[in-house]
Amino acid sequence: MSSKQTKITIETREVWIIRRPDHVVRGWCGRCAAWVEMVTGEEAAHLIGVGVRAIFRWIEQARLHFTETPAGSVMICLPSLLADRPSDPLELSAGQTDRP
């Protein structure tokens, strides 16, 4: 008696829209050597589903590019955030989320 297996592969796409009332925030990323879209720490955390503390820990570990505004706010380079996004959900759940 033979058994038959069927393998199903599902591919997904994500589209993120960040709406700001005023304008798109673009800034110079020294590590990218380019003008890029920047997001706040809170926006970055929301975009990839981690806590804000994880975002700032990754900044301290030089995993994310960032700049500081004259007012002292930290703005994160969106391309570096998306490039560093873990593809494996288990990597996020292994103590990286800082969520209760």
N, C-alpha and C. Protein backbone atom coordinates (compact mmCIF):
# COMPACT_ATOMS: atom_id res chain seq x y z
N MET A 1 0.84 -1.17 0.00
CA MET A 1 0.00 0.00 0.00
C MET A 1 0.89 1.24 0.00
N SER A 2 0.66 2.14 -0.90
CA SER A 2 1.47 3.36 -0.99
C SER A 2 0.67 4.55 -0.47
N SER A 3 1.39 5.49 0.12
CA SER A 3 0.73 6.71 0.59
C SER A 3 1.15 7.87 -0.29
N LYS A 4 0.29 8.80 -0.39
CA LYS A 4 0.54 9.97 -1.24
C LYS A 4 0.62 11.20 -0.34
N GLN A 5 1.65 12.02 -0.54
CA GLN A 5 1.80 13.25 0.22
C GLN A 5 1.60 14.44 -0.70
N THR A 6 1.00 15.45 -0.15
CA THR A 6 0.82 16.70 -0.87
C THR A 6 1.50 17.80 -0.06
N LYS A 7 2.35 18.56 -0.70
CA LYS A 7 3.04 19.67 -0.04
C LYS A 7 2.44 20.97 -0.55
N ILE A 8 2.02 21.80 0.37
CA ILE A 8 1.43 23.09 0.01
C ILE A 8 2.36 24.19 0.51
N THR A 9 2.73 25.09 -0.38
CA THR A 9 3.58 26.23 -0.03
C THR A 9 2.75 27.50 -0.18
N ILE A 10 2.78 28.31 0.85
CA ILE A 10 2.03 29.57 0.80
C ILE A 10 3.03 30.72 0.90
N GLU A 11 2.96 31.62 -0.05
CA GLU A 11 3.79 32.82 -0.03
C GLU A 11 2.91 34.01 0.32
N THR A 12 3.45 34.86 1.15
CA THR A 12 2.68 36.05 1.54
C THR A 12 3.49 37.30 1.24
N ARG A 13 2.78 38.38 1.12
CA ARG A 13 3.39 39.70 0.93
C ARG A 13 2.82 40.62 1.98
N GLU A 14 3.63 41.58 2.37
CA GLU A 14 3.17 42.58 3.32
C GLU A 14 3.37 43.96 2.71
N VAL A 15 2.41 44.80 2.94
CA VAL A 15 2.52 46.20 2.54
C VAL A 15 2.30 47.02 3.79
N TRP A 16 3.25 47.87 4.10
CA TRP A 16 3.13 48.74 5.26
C TRP A 16 2.93 50.16 4.80
N ILE A 17 1.96 50.80 5.37
CA ILE A 17 1.71 52.20 5.07
C ILE A 17 1.84 52.97 6.38
N ILE A 18 2.76 53.90 6.40
CA ILE A 18 2.94 54.75 7.56
C ILE A 18 2.34 56.10 7.21
N ARG A 19 1.29 56.45 7.90
CA ARG A 19 0.63 57.72 7.62
C ARG A 19 1.03 58.72 8.70
N ARG A 20 1.53 59.83 8.24
CA ARG A 20 1.86 60.93 9.14
C ARG A 20 1.06 62.14 8.67
N PRO A 21 0.54 62.90 9.60
CA PRO A 21 -0.29 64.03 9.19
C PRO A 21 0.47 65.10 8.41
N ASP A 22 1.74 65.31 8.73
CA ASP A 22 2.46 66.40 8.10
C ASP A 22 3.17 66.00 6.82
N HIS A 23 4.15 65.11 6.94
CA HIS A 23 4.97 64.78 5.80
C HIS A 23 5.81 63.54 6.08
N VAL A 24 6.44 63.03 5.05
CA VAL A 24 7.36 61.92 5.21
C VAL A 24 8.65 62.44 5.83
N VAL A 25 9.17 61.71 6.79
CA VAL A 25 10.42 62.12 7.43
C VAL A 25 11.57 61.44 6.71
N ARG A 26 12.38 62.24 6.07
CA ARG A 26 13.58 61.72 5.41
C ARG A 26 14.79 62.32 6.09
N GLY A 27 15.82 61.54 6.17
CA GLY A 27 17.03 62.03 6.81
C GLY A 27 18.24 61.33 6.22
N TRP A 28 19.40 61.89 6.52
CA TRP A 28 20.66 61.32 6.02
C TRP A 28 21.08 60.19 6.93
N CYS A 29 21.30 59.01 6.36
CA CYS A 29 21.83 57.89 7.12
C CYS A 29 23.31 57.77 6.76
N GLY A 30 24.16 58.05 7.73
CA GLY A 30 25.59 58.00 7.49
C GLY A 30 26.10 56.61 7.14
N ARG A 31 25.49 55.59 7.71
CA ARG A 31 25.94 54.22 7.43
C ARG A 31 25.47 53.75 6.06
N CYS A 32 24.30 54.21 5.61
CA CYS A 32 23.83 53.89 4.25
C CYS A 32 24.45 54.84 3.22
N ALA A 33 24.91 55.99 3.71
CA ALA A 33 25.41 57.07 2.85
C ALA A 33 24.35 57.48 1.83
N ALA A 34 23.12 57.67 2.35
CA ALA A 34 22.00 58.02 1.48
C ALA A 34 20.91 58.71 2.29
N TRP A 35 20.05 59.44 1.57
CA TRP A 35 18.86 60.00 2.18
C TRP A 35 17.83 58.88 2.21
N VAL A 36 17.26 58.61 3.38
CA VAL A 36 16.32 57.50 3.54
C VAL A 36 15.12 57.95 4.36
N GLU A 37 14.06 57.17 4.32
CA GLU A 37 12.93 57.44 5.19
C GLU A 37 13.30 57.00 6.60
N MET A 38 12.93 57.81 7.57
CA MET A 38 13.23 57.54 8.97
C MET A 38 11.92 57.34 9.73
N VAL A 39 11.98 56.50 10.76
CA VAL A 39 10.83 56.25 11.62
C VAL A 39 11.25 56.41 13.07
N THR A 40 10.29 56.66 13.93
CA THR A 40 10.57 56.76 15.36
C THR A 40 10.77 55.36 15.93
N GLY A 41 11.27 55.30 17.15
CA GLY A 41 11.43 54.01 17.81
C GLY A 41 10.09 53.29 17.99
N GLU A 42 9.06 54.03 18.31
CA GLU A 42 7.73 53.45 18.48
C GLU A 42 7.19 52.91 17.16
N GLU A 43 7.37 53.67 16.08
CA GLU A 43 6.93 53.19 14.77
C GLU A 43 7.71 51.95 14.36
N ALA A 44 9.02 51.95 14.60
CA ALA A 44 9.86 50.80 14.25
C ALA A 44 9.39 49.56 15.00
N ALA A 45 9.13 49.71 16.30
CA ALA A 45 8.67 48.58 17.11
C ALA A 45 7.35 48.03 16.57
N HIS A 46 6.44 48.93 16.25
CA HIS A 46 5.14 48.51 15.73
C HIS A 46 5.28 47.80 14.38
N LEU A 47 6.13 48.33 13.53
CA LEU A 47 6.30 47.76 12.19
C LEU A 47 6.77 46.31 12.21
N ILE A 48 7.69 45.99 13.10
CA ILE A 48 8.20 44.62 13.08
C ILE A 48 7.73 43.77 14.25
N GLY A 49 6.86 44.33 15.08
CA GLY A 49 6.22 43.54 16.13
C GLY A 49 7.10 43.22 17.33
N VAL A 50 7.92 44.18 17.73
CA VAL A 50 8.74 44.00 18.94
C VAL A 50 8.48 45.16 19.87
N GLY A 51 9.04 45.08 21.06
CA GLY A 51 8.93 46.19 22.01
C GLY A 51 9.92 47.29 21.68
N VAL A 52 9.63 48.48 22.16
CA VAL A 52 10.51 49.63 21.93
C VAL A 52 11.88 49.38 22.55
N ARG A 53 11.92 48.70 23.70
CA ARG A 53 13.21 48.41 24.33
C ARG A 53 14.09 47.55 23.43
N ALA A 54 13.50 46.63 22.69
CA ALA A 54 14.28 45.79 21.76
C ALA A 54 14.89 46.66 20.67
N ILE A 55 14.13 47.64 20.18
CA ILE A 55 14.64 48.55 19.14
C ILE A 55 15.86 49.30 19.66
N PHE A 56 15.76 49.85 20.87
CA PHE A 56 16.90 50.60 21.41
C PHE A 56 18.08 49.70 21.76
N ARG A 57 17.79 48.47 22.15
CA ARG A 57 18.88 47.52 22.38
C ARG A 57 19.62 47.23 21.07
N TRP A 58 18.85 47.09 19.97
CA TRP A 58 19.46 46.83 18.66
C TRP A 58 20.28 48.03 18.19
N ILE A 59 19.83 49.24 18.55
CA ILE A 59 20.63 50.44 18.23
C ILE A 59 21.95 50.38 18.99
N GLU A 60 21.88 50.04 20.26
CA GLU A 60 23.11 49.95 21.06
C GLU A 60 24.06 48.86 20.55
N GLN A 61 23.50 47.81 19.95
CA GLN A 61 24.30 46.72 19.39
C GLN A 61 24.74 47.01 17.96
N ALA A 62 24.43 48.20 17.46
CA ALA A 62 24.76 48.64 16.09
C ALA A 62 24.08 47.77 15.03
N ARG A 63 22.93 47.20 15.36
CA ARG A 63 22.17 46.43 14.38
C ARG A 63 21.29 47.33 13.52
N LEU A 64 20.97 48.53 14.03
CA LEU A 64 20.13 49.48 13.30
C LEU A 64 20.87 50.79 13.12
N HIS A 65 20.62 51.43 11.99
CA HIS A 65 21.18 52.76 11.73
C HIS A 65 20.21 53.78 12.32
N PHE A 66 20.74 54.87 12.83
CA PHE A 66 19.88 55.89 13.42
C PHE A 66 20.58 57.24 13.36
N THR A 67 19.78 58.25 13.63
CA THR A 67 20.30 59.61 13.78
C THR A 67 19.49 60.27 14.89
N GLU A 68 20.05 61.30 15.47
CA GLU A 68 19.34 62.07 16.49
C GLU A 68 18.99 63.43 15.93
N THR A 69 17.78 63.87 16.22
CA THR A 69 17.35 65.19 15.77
C THR A 69 17.94 66.23 16.71
N PRO A 70 17.93 67.51 16.30
CA PRO A 70 18.41 68.56 17.20
C PRO A 70 17.65 68.60 18.53
N ALA A 71 16.39 68.14 18.52
CA ALA A 71 15.59 68.12 19.75
C ALA A 71 15.90 66.90 20.61
N GLY A 72 16.75 65.98 20.12
CA GLY A 72 17.14 64.81 20.90
C GLY A 72 16.36 63.55 20.60
N SER A 73 15.43 63.60 19.65
CA SER A 73 14.67 62.40 19.28
C SER A 73 15.54 61.47 18.43
N VAL A 74 15.32 60.18 18.59
CA VAL A 74 16.04 59.20 17.79
C VAL A 74 15.17 58.80 16.60
N MET A 75 15.76 58.88 15.42
CA MET A 75 15.07 58.46 14.19
C MET A 75 15.85 57.29 13.60
N ILE A 76 15.13 56.25 13.24
CA ILE A 76 15.73 55.01 12.77
C ILE A 76 15.60 54.90 11.26
N CYS A 77 16.70 54.50 10.65
CA CYS A 77 16.75 54.29 9.20
C CYS A 77 15.84 53.11 8.83
N LEU A 78 14.80 53.38 8.04
CA LEU A 78 13.84 52.34 7.69
C LEU A 78 14.48 51.19 6.91
N PRO A 79 15.34 51.46 5.92
CA PRO A 79 15.97 50.32 5.22
C PRO A 79 16.77 49.40 6.15
N SER A 80 17.46 49.96 7.14
CA SER A 80 18.21 49.10 8.06
C SER A 80 17.26 48.29 8.94
N LEU A 81 16.13 48.87 9.30
CA LEU A 81 15.14 48.15 10.10
C LEU A 81 14.58 46.97 9.33
N LEU A 82 14.23 47.20 8.08
CA LEU A 82 13.63 46.14 7.27
C LEU A 82 14.65 45.07 6.90
N ALA A 83 15.91 45.48 6.72
CA ALA A 83 16.95 44.51 6.37
C ALA A 83 17.27 43.61 7.55
N ASP A 84 17.12 44.11 8.78
CA ASP A 84 17.46 43.35 9.98
C ASP A 84 16.28 42.58 10.53
N ARG A 85 15.15 42.68 9.88
CA ARG A 85 13.94 42.02 10.37
C ARG A 85 14.10 40.51 10.33
N PRO A 86 13.94 39.84 11.48
CA PRO A 86 14.07 38.39 11.50
C PRO A 86 13.00 37.74 10.64
N SER A 87 13.40 36.76 9.83
CA SER A 87 12.43 36.06 8.99
C SER A 87 11.77 34.93 9.75
N ASP A 88 12.39 34.48 10.84
CA ASP A 88 11.86 33.39 11.63
C ASP A 88 11.15 33.94 12.85
N PRO A 89 9.83 33.70 12.99
CA PRO A 89 9.11 34.22 14.15
C PRO A 89 9.69 33.72 15.47
N LEU A 90 10.33 32.56 15.47
CA LEU A 90 10.92 32.05 16.71
C LEU A 90 12.07 32.93 17.18
N GLU A 91 12.77 33.58 16.24
CA GLU A 91 13.86 34.47 16.63
C GLU A 91 13.31 35.66 17.41
N LEU A 92 12.12 36.12 17.03
CA LEU A 92 11.50 37.22 17.77
C LEU A 92 11.04 36.75 19.14
N SER A 93 10.54 35.52 19.22
CA SER A 93 9.99 35.06 20.49
C SER A 93 11.07 34.61 21.47
N ALA A 94 12.30 34.50 21.04
CA ALA A 94 13.37 34.04 21.93
C ALA A 94 13.95 35.20 22.73
N GLY A 95 13.09 35.87 23.50
CA GLY A 95 13.56 36.93 24.38
C GLY A 95 13.83 38.25 23.67
N GLN A 96 13.39 38.43 22.47
CA GLN A 96 13.68 39.65 21.73
C GLN A 96 12.55 40.67 21.80
N THR A 97 11.36 40.27 22.22
CA THR A 97 10.22 41.16 22.07
C THR A 97 10.06 42.19 23.17
N ASP A 98 10.49 41.88 24.37
CA ASP A 98 10.31 42.77 25.51
C ASP A 98 8.84 43.08 25.77
N ARG A 99 7.98 42.20 25.37
CA ARG A 99 6.56 42.38 25.65
C ARG A 99 6.19 41.58 26.89
N PRO A 100 5.22 42.06 27.67
CA PRO A 100 4.80 41.32 28.88
C PRO A 100 4.16 40.00 28.54
